[in-house]
Every structure is written in structure tokens, then in C-alpha cells.
């Protein structure tokens, strides 16, 4: 992807801000591309220069967070940004339903599993997986999302740093189990 000029970057940022505001106010299903461009003060053609659909802008709005979560499956050390991502989620937990239910949850699960699958594909020299890579990526993404979602919904409390350690640790343990066919002891 080519770098954006300053004007294009401002337009993209305005579209993302408008989308985030609308999803938290009205919910994903009630949002339209026209509503996003109106709230951003841009043209419809500007939207399509940056995004292909409202599903695409949802993925883009969460990508910086999900990139860090996906790194948990391929990094030998816990990503430094993971605790910050989880702290951000915790501080905004009242908005959990907007992204962790219904259609947005399905879109984000596919997005996270795609990011994880890409990392699995880049793991040169790693032992082979006992599942096909796409299925392993789905399993890992769903496990991460279930843990984070349950925590944000208040099913049990822990600090963001403990959640980061657990998310990383369980992701790495799952990878090891998927590589050798047995659960770690």
C-alpha cells in the first residue's frame, strides 16, 4: 500500500473517527456508508478511496489492536503493546456490545483469524500444525476473543497486566499444542 499524503490521511482519520462515534452511538447494523461520510464531512468517493465497505472500516478501526493480539501467537516474548491494548479495551468496556456481539463480532473474528493465519504462514522452521492453518487460526482467534470478551463483560475480574500475561501465555501454549498434538503439561 502506498503512503497517504497529509490530506488523504486526514480524510481517512475523519472517516475512522466518524465510524467509531456512530458504532458506539447507534450500533453497527444502523450505520450506513452515507451516514459515515456525512458525519466525517467527506464525499462518498473519499470513503471508497480508503475502504471498500462498512465491514472494511470496522476491520480497519480494530486492526491496530488485533495486530498486537495476533503477535501473541508468533512472538517469543509478550508484545510490549499488549497490556496497553487490553487497558484500552478495559477503559472502554461499556462499549463491548458494539463490537463483541452480532455481525461485528463475526467480522472481527474473521479479521483476527486472518492476521493470525498470516503469522502462522510466516513461521519458518516451526513444527507443522496438526490442523490446517486456517482452522488453527480460527481456533486461536476465537480463544483470544472469548477470553477478552468474557473479561470485558465482567464474568471475572483481573488487572489488564494479568490479562495480558494470560492471553499471551494461553496463545503460546495453544500453538505448542497445535504443533505437537499434545497439550503442554
Foldseek 3Di string as FASTA:
>chain_A
DDDDDPVLVLLLVLLLVLLVVCLQVPADVPDALVSSCVSSVHDSVSVVVPAPGSLRSLLVNCVVLLLLLLVLQQDPDRPPCQLVSLVVCLVVLVSLCRQCDDPNVVSNLQSSLVSNLVSVVVPPPAADFPDPSSVLSSVLSVVLSVLSSCASVPVDDDHSVVNSVVSSVVSHQSSVCRRPVHGDD
